[in-house]
């Protein structure tokens, strides 16, 4: 099991963990954008790695745009609900809706505890997030798997919320 090394608090900072992951994967030095997000491209997918400020790395990927048309949304929702329960038993990534600009997006997200020091777990979490985004992106019919933009979460007054996580 690859650990980060010393138990000093700095060894478990977001920057140190992401740096250790990039080193382990032989990706060079990670580039943090102005908001502190690191974008990681894996095959055809992308994830954002960001610090949640509470001791976790958030791993996020956009699955796709939720249909705006009410009829198409009902069809998607029914297909989504048939697939999700079984997948959550074998995948650590959760799914939630986020408003980005004028569209509602389905986001796959996982949380990695900074102090765990188990980079294999972070790698697996990235794979889980990408797998959820890919599967549900196909379901949504959205070919783009771009990493999500930094945004403010949708207001709690949204009339439709679905969160699945075990």
C-alpha atoms as a PDB file:
ATOM      1  CA  UNK A   1       0.000   0.000   0.000  1.00  0.00           C
ATOM      2  CA  UNK A   2       1.566   3.283  -1.078  1.00  0.00           C
ATOM      3  CA  UNK A   3       1.331   5.839   1.682  1.00  0.00           C
ATOM      4  CA  UNK A   4       2.334   9.461   1.496  1.00  0.00           C
ATOM      5  CA  UNK A   5       5.114   9.127   4.015  1.00  0.00           C
ATOM      6  CA  UNK A   6       5.436  11.232   7.116  1.00  0.00           C
ATOM      7  CA  UNK A   7       2.429  11.932   9.298  1.00  0.00           C
ATOM      8  CA  UNK A   8       3.189  15.650   9.386  1.00  0.00           C
ATOM      9  CA  UNK A   9       0.084  17.727   8.631  1.00  0.00           C
ATOM     10  CA  UNK A  10       1.667  19.226   5.480  1.00  0.00           C
ATOM     11  CA  UNK A  11       2.073  15.700   4.049  1.00  0.00           C
ATOM     12  CA  UNK A  12      -1.703  15.421   3.965  1.00  0.00           C
ATOM     13  CA  UNK A  13      -2.460  18.762   2.367  1.00  0.00           C
ATOM     14  CA  UNK A  14      -4.425  18.841  -0.861  1.00  0.00           C
ATOM     15  CA  UNK A  15      -1.359  20.024  -2.785  1.00  0.00           C
ATOM     16  CA  UNK A  16       0.866  17.293  -1.301  1.00  0.00           C
ATOM     17  CA  UNK A  17      -1.639  14.507  -2.030  1.00  0.00           C
ATOM     18  CA  UNK A  18      -2.234  15.659  -5.617  1.00  0.00           C
ATOM     19  CA  UNK A  19       1.521  16.054  -6.083  1.00  0.00           C
ATOM     20  CA  UNK A  20       2.129  12.521  -4.765  1.00  0.00           C
ATOM     21  CA  UNK A  21      -0.598  11.157  -7.075  1.00  0.00           C
ATOM     22  CA  UNK A  22       0.895  12.891 -10.119  1.00  0.00           C
ATOM     23  CA  UNK A  23       4.358  11.624  -9.161  1.00  0.00           C
ATOM     24  CA  UNK A  24       3.038   8.070  -8.708  1.00  0.00           C
ATOM     25  CA  UNK A  25       1.364   8.231 -12.140  1.00  0.00           C
ATOM     26  CA  UNK A  26       4.491   9.817 -13.683  1.00  0.00           C
ATOM     27  CA  UNK A  27       2.513  12.899 -14.784  1.00  0.00           C
ATOM     28  CA  UNK A  28       5.014  15.538 -13.735  1.00  0.00           C
ATOM     29  CA  UNK A  29       4.019  18.493 -11.605  1.00  0.00           C
ATOM     30  CA  UNK A  30       0.267  19.182 -11.280  1.00  0.00           C
ATOM     31  CA  UNK A  31      -0.999  22.559 -12.481  1.00  0.00           C
ATOM     32  CA  UNK A  32      -3.499  24.245 -10.170  1.00  0.00           C
ATOM     33  CA  UNK A  33      -5.740  26.813 -11.839  1.00  0.00           C
ATOM     34  CA  UNK A  34      -6.637  30.159 -10.265  1.00  0.00           C
ATOM     35  CA  UNK A  35      -9.434  28.508  -8.258  1.00  0.00           C
ATOM     36  CA  UNK A  36      -7.157  25.721  -6.956  1.00  0.00           C
ATOM     37  CA  UNK A  37      -8.603  23.022  -9.221  1.00  0.00           C
ATOM     38  CA  UNK A  38      -6.421  20.454 -10.965  1.00  0.00           C
ATOM     39  CA  UNK A  39      -7.820  18.989 -14.178  1.00  0.00           C
ATOM     40  CA  UNK A  40      -6.777  15.433 -14.955  1.00  0.00           C
ATOM     41  CA  UNK A  41      -7.396  13.872 -18.358  1.00  0.00           C
ATOM     42  CA  UNK A  42      -7.726  10.079 -18.416  1.00  0.00           C
ATOM     43  CA  UNK A  43      -8.250   8.471 -21.825  1.00  0.00           C
ATOM     44  CA  UNK A  44     -11.444  10.096 -23.169  1.00  0.00           C
ATOM     45  CA  UNK A  45     -12.598  11.462 -19.823  1.00  0.00           C
ATOM     46  CA  UNK A  46     -11.641  14.330 -17.564  1.00  0.00           C
ATOM     47  CA  UNK A  47     -11.941  14.874 -13.843  1.00  0.00           C
ATOM     48  CA  UNK A  48     -11.441  17.852 -11.611  1.00  0.00           C
ATOM     49  CA  UNK A  49      -9.561  17.410  -8.354  1.00  0.00           C
ATOM     50  CA  UNK A  50     -10.381  20.057  -5.783  1.00  0.00           C
ATOM     51  CA  UNK A  51      -9.988  20.685  -2.077  1.00  0.00           C
ATOM     52  CA  UNK A  52     -13.315  20.733  -0.241  1.00  0.00           C
ATOM     53  CA  UNK A  53     -11.741  22.631   2.680  1.00  0.00           C
ATOM     54  CA  UNK A  54     -12.812  19.898   5.119  1.00  0.00           C
ATOM     55  CA  UNK A  55     -10.015  17.371   4.676  1.00  0.00           C
ATOM     56  CA  UNK A  56     -11.115  15.737   1.424  1.00  0.00           C
ATOM     57  CA  UNK A  57     -10.169  15.767  -2.230  1.00  0.00           C
ATOM     58  CA  UNK A  58     -13.297  16.000  -4.377  1.00  0.00           C
ATOM     59  CA  UNK A  59     -13.073  14.116  -7.658  1.00  0.00           C
ATOM     60  CA  UNK A  60     -15.711  15.348 -10.127  1.00  0.00           C
ATOM     61  CA  UNK A  61     -16.679  14.653 -13.729  1.00  0.00           C
ATOM     62  CA  UNK A  62     -19.647  15.774 -15.792  1.00  0.00           C
ATOM     63  CA  UNK A  63     -21.804  12.925 -17.065  1.00  0.00           C
ATOM     64  CA  UNK A  64     -23.857  15.227 -19.251  1.00  0.00           C
ATOM     65  CA  UNK A  65     -26.713  17.628 -19.623  1.00  0.00           C
ATOM     66  CA  UNK A  66     -30.081  16.586 -18.217  1.00  0.00           C
ATOM     67  CA  UNK A  67     -32.821  16.886 -20.872  1.00  0.00           C
ATOM     68  CA  UNK A  68     -34.773  20.128 -20.645  1.00  0.00           C
ATOM     69  CA  UNK A  69     -37.860  18.789 -22.411  1.00  0.00           C
ATOM     70  CA  UNK A  70     -40.278  17.337 -19.827  1.00  0.00           C
ATOM     71  CA  UNK A  71     -41.030  14.214 -21.863  1.00  0.00           C
ATOM     72  CA  UNK A  72     -37.355  13.489 -22.551  1.00  0.00           C
ATOM     73  CA  UNK A  73     -36.562  14.130 -18.884  1.00  0.00           C
ATOM     74  CA  UNK A  74     -39.173  11.549 -17.797  1.00  0.00           C
ATOM     75  CA  UNK A  75     -37.683   8.942 -20.159  1.00  0.00           C
ATOM     76  CA  UNK A  76     -34.176   9.698 -18.891  1.00  0.00           C
ATOM     77  CA  UNK A  77     -35.266   9.632 -15.238  1.00  0.00           C
ATOM     78  CA  UNK A  78     -36.912   6.204 -15.646  1.00  0.00           C
ATOM     79  CA  UNK A  79     -33.796   4.761 -17.343  1.00  0.00           C
ATOM     80  CA  UNK A  80     -31.576   6.383 -14.713  1.00  0.00           C
ATOM     81  CA  UNK A  81     -33.560   4.928 -11.823  1.00  0.00           C
ATOM     82  CA  UNK A  82     -33.433   1.447 -13.355  1.00  0.00           C
ATOM     83  CA  UNK A  83     -29.620   1.539 -13.594  1.00  0.00           C
ATOM     84  CA  UNK A  84     -28.400   3.425 -10.539  1.00  0.00           C
ATOM     85  CA  UNK A  85     -29.166   1.220  -7.514  1.00  0.00           C
ATOM     86  CA  UNK A  86     -27.046  -1.733  -8.636  1.00  0.00           C
ATOM     87  CA  UNK A  87     -24.142   0.433  -9.739  1.00  0.00           C
ATOM     88  CA  UNK A  88     -23.851   2.114  -6.362  1.00  0.00           C
ATOM     89  CA  UNK A  89     -23.091  -1.241  -4.751  1.00  0.00           C
ATOM     90  CA  UNK A  90     -19.843  -1.544  -6.729  1.00  0.00           C
ATOM     91  CA  UNK A  91     -18.875   2.078  -7.309  1.00  0.00           C
ATOM     92  CA  UNK A  92     -17.915   4.732  -4.746  1.00  0.00           C
ATOM     93  CA  UNK A  93     -18.896   7.708  -6.876  1.00  0.00           C
ATOM     94  CA  UNK A  94     -22.145   9.489  -6.135  1.00  0.00           C
ATOM     95  CA  UNK A  95     -24.331  11.322  -8.637  1.00  0.00           C
ATOM     96  CA  UNK A  96     -26.000  14.696  -8.238  1.00  0.00           C
ATOM     97  CA  UNK A  97     -27.460  17.541 -10.242  1.00  0.00           C
ATOM     98  CA  UNK A  98     -25.782  20.947 -10.572  1.00  0.00           C
ATOM     99  CA  UNK A  99     -26.995  23.990 -12.430  1.00  0.00           C
ATOM    100  CA  UNK A 100     -24.291  25.346 -14.744  1.00  0.00           C
ATOM    101  CA  UNK A 101     -25.278  28.450 -16.647  1.00  0.00           C
ATOM    102  CA  UNK A 102     -28.764  27.690 -17.977  1.00  0.00           C
ATOM    103  CA  UNK A 103     -28.408  23.893 -18.024  1.00  0.00           C
ATOM    104  CA  UNK A 104     -28.817  21.250 -15.371  1.00  0.00           C
ATOM    105  CA  UNK A 105     -25.866  18.841 -15.412  1.00  0.00           C
ATOM    106  CA  UNK A 106     -25.483  15.360 -13.934  1.00  0.00           C
ATOM    107  CA  UNK A 107     -22.212  15.228 -11.995  1.00  0.00           C
ATOM    108  CA  UNK A 108     -20.337  12.149 -10.775  1.00  0.00           C
ATOM    109  CA  UNK A 109     -18.405  12.868  -7.593  1.00  0.00           C
ATOM    110  CA  UNK A 110     -16.247  10.991  -5.128  1.00  0.00           C
ATOM    111  CA  UNK A 111     -14.565  12.052  -1.882  1.00  0.00           C
ATOM    112  CA  UNK A 112     -11.086  10.989  -0.847  1.00  0.00           C
ATOM    113  CA  UNK A 113      -9.980  11.599   2.730  1.00  0.00           C
ATOM    114  CA  UNK A 114      -6.650  13.461   2.637  1.00  0.00           C
ATOM    115  CA  UNK A 115      -5.340  11.825   5.799  1.00  0.00           C
ATOM    116  CA  UNK A 116      -5.876   8.283   4.524  1.00  0.00           C
ATOM    117  CA  UNK A 117      -2.573   8.333   2.638  1.00  0.00           C
ATOM    118  CA  UNK A 118      -3.719   5.492   0.357  1.00  0.00           C
ATOM    119  CA  UNK A 119      -3.056   6.671  -3.177  1.00  0.00           C
ATOM    120  CA  UNK A 120      -4.374   3.392  -4.621  1.00  0.00           C
ATOM    121  CA  UNK A 121      -7.756   4.333  -3.165  1.00  0.00           C
ATOM    122  CA  UNK A 122      -7.604   7.775  -4.795  1.00  0.00           C
ATOM    123  CA  UNK A 123      -6.758   6.146  -8.146  1.00  0.00           C
ATOM    124  CA  UNK A 124      -9.706   3.753  -7.769  1.00  0.00           C
ATOM    125  CA  UNK A 125     -11.985   6.650  -6.863  1.00  0.00           C
ATOM    126  CA  UNK A 126     -10.936   8.516 -10.018  1.00  0.00           C
ATOM    127  CA  UNK A 127     -11.743   5.386 -12.043  1.00  0.00           C
ATOM    128  CA  UNK A 128     -15.130   5.076 -10.304  1.00  0.00           C
ATOM    129  CA  UNK A 129     -16.018   8.712 -11.011  1.00  0.00           C
ATOM    130  CA  UNK A 130     -15.020   8.331 -14.659  1.00  0.00           C
ATOM    131  CA  UNK A 131     -16.996   5.071 -14.974  1.00  0.00           C
ATOM    132  CA  UNK A 132     -20.149   6.710 -13.566  1.00  0.00           C
ATOM    133  CA  UNK A 133     -19.729   9.765 -15.808  1.00  0.00           C
ATOM    134  CA  UNK A 134     -19.199   7.597 -18.890  1.00  0.00           C
ATOM    135  CA  UNK A 135     -22.121   5.259 -18.187  1.00  0.00           C
ATOM    136  CA  UNK A 136     -24.560   8.065 -17.436  1.00  0.00           C
ATOM    137  CA  UNK A 137     -23.190  10.242 -20.217  1.00  0.00           C
ATOM    138  CA  UNK A 138     -24.139   7.501 -22.663  1.00  0.00           C
ATOM    139  CA  UNK A 139     -27.554   7.317 -21.030  1.00  0.00           C
ATOM    140  CA  UNK A 140     -27.969  11.058 -21.451  1.00  0.00           C
ATOM    141  CA  UNK A 141     -26.716  10.878 -25.019  1.00  0.00           C
ATOM    142  CA  UNK A 142     -24.164  13.579 -24.287  1.00  0.00           C
ATOM    143  CA  UNK A 143     -20.859  12.821 -25.998  1.00  0.00           C
ATOM    144  CA  UNK A 144     -18.888  15.443 -24.073  1.00  0.00           C
ATOM    145  CA  UNK A 145     -17.232  14.234 -20.886  1.00  0.00           C
ATOM    146  CA  UNK A 146     -15.529  17.511 -20.030  1.00  0.00           C
ATOM    147  CA  UNK A 147     -14.563  18.226 -16.469  1.00  0.00           C
ATOM    148  CA  UNK A 148     -17.102  20.417 -14.689  1.00  0.00           C
ATOM    149  CA  UNK A 149     -16.545  24.132 -14.453  1.00  0.00           C
ATOM    150  CA  UNK A 150     -16.173  25.614 -11.033  1.00  0.00           C
ATOM    151  CA  UNK A 151     -19.621  26.802 -10.072  1.00  0.00           C
ATOM    152  CA  UNK A 152     -21.865  27.569  -7.194  1.00  0.00           C
ATOM    153  CA  UNK A 153     -24.074  24.585  -6.300  1.00  0.00           C
ATOM    154  CA  UNK A 154     -27.689  24.892  -7.358  1.00  0.00           C
ATOM    155  CA  UNK A 155     -29.878  26.636  -4.802  1.00  0.00           C
ATOM    156  CA  UNK A 156     -31.707  24.394  -2.376  1.00  0.00           C
ATOM    157  CA  UNK A 157     -35.002  25.689  -3.751  1.00  0.00           C
ATOM    158  CA  UNK A 158     -34.612  23.521  -6.875  1.00  0.00           C
ATOM    159  CA  UNK A 159     -37.749  21.442  -7.306  1.00  0.00           C
ATOM    160  CA  UNK A 160     -35.929  18.329  -8.473  1.00  0.00           C
ATOM    161  CA  UNK A 161     -33.072  16.733  -6.554  1.00  0.00           C
ATOM    162  CA  UNK A 162     -31.695  13.224  -6.873  1.00  0.00           C
ATOM    163  CA  UNK A 163     -28.729  12.065  -4.813  1.00  0.00           C
ATOM    164  CA  UNK A 164     -27.727   8.427  -4.677  1.00  0.00           C
ATOM    165  CA  UNK A 165     -24.881   7.306  -2.469  1.00  0.00           C
ATOM    166  CA  UNK A 166     -24.407   4.274  -0.247  1.00  0.00           C
END
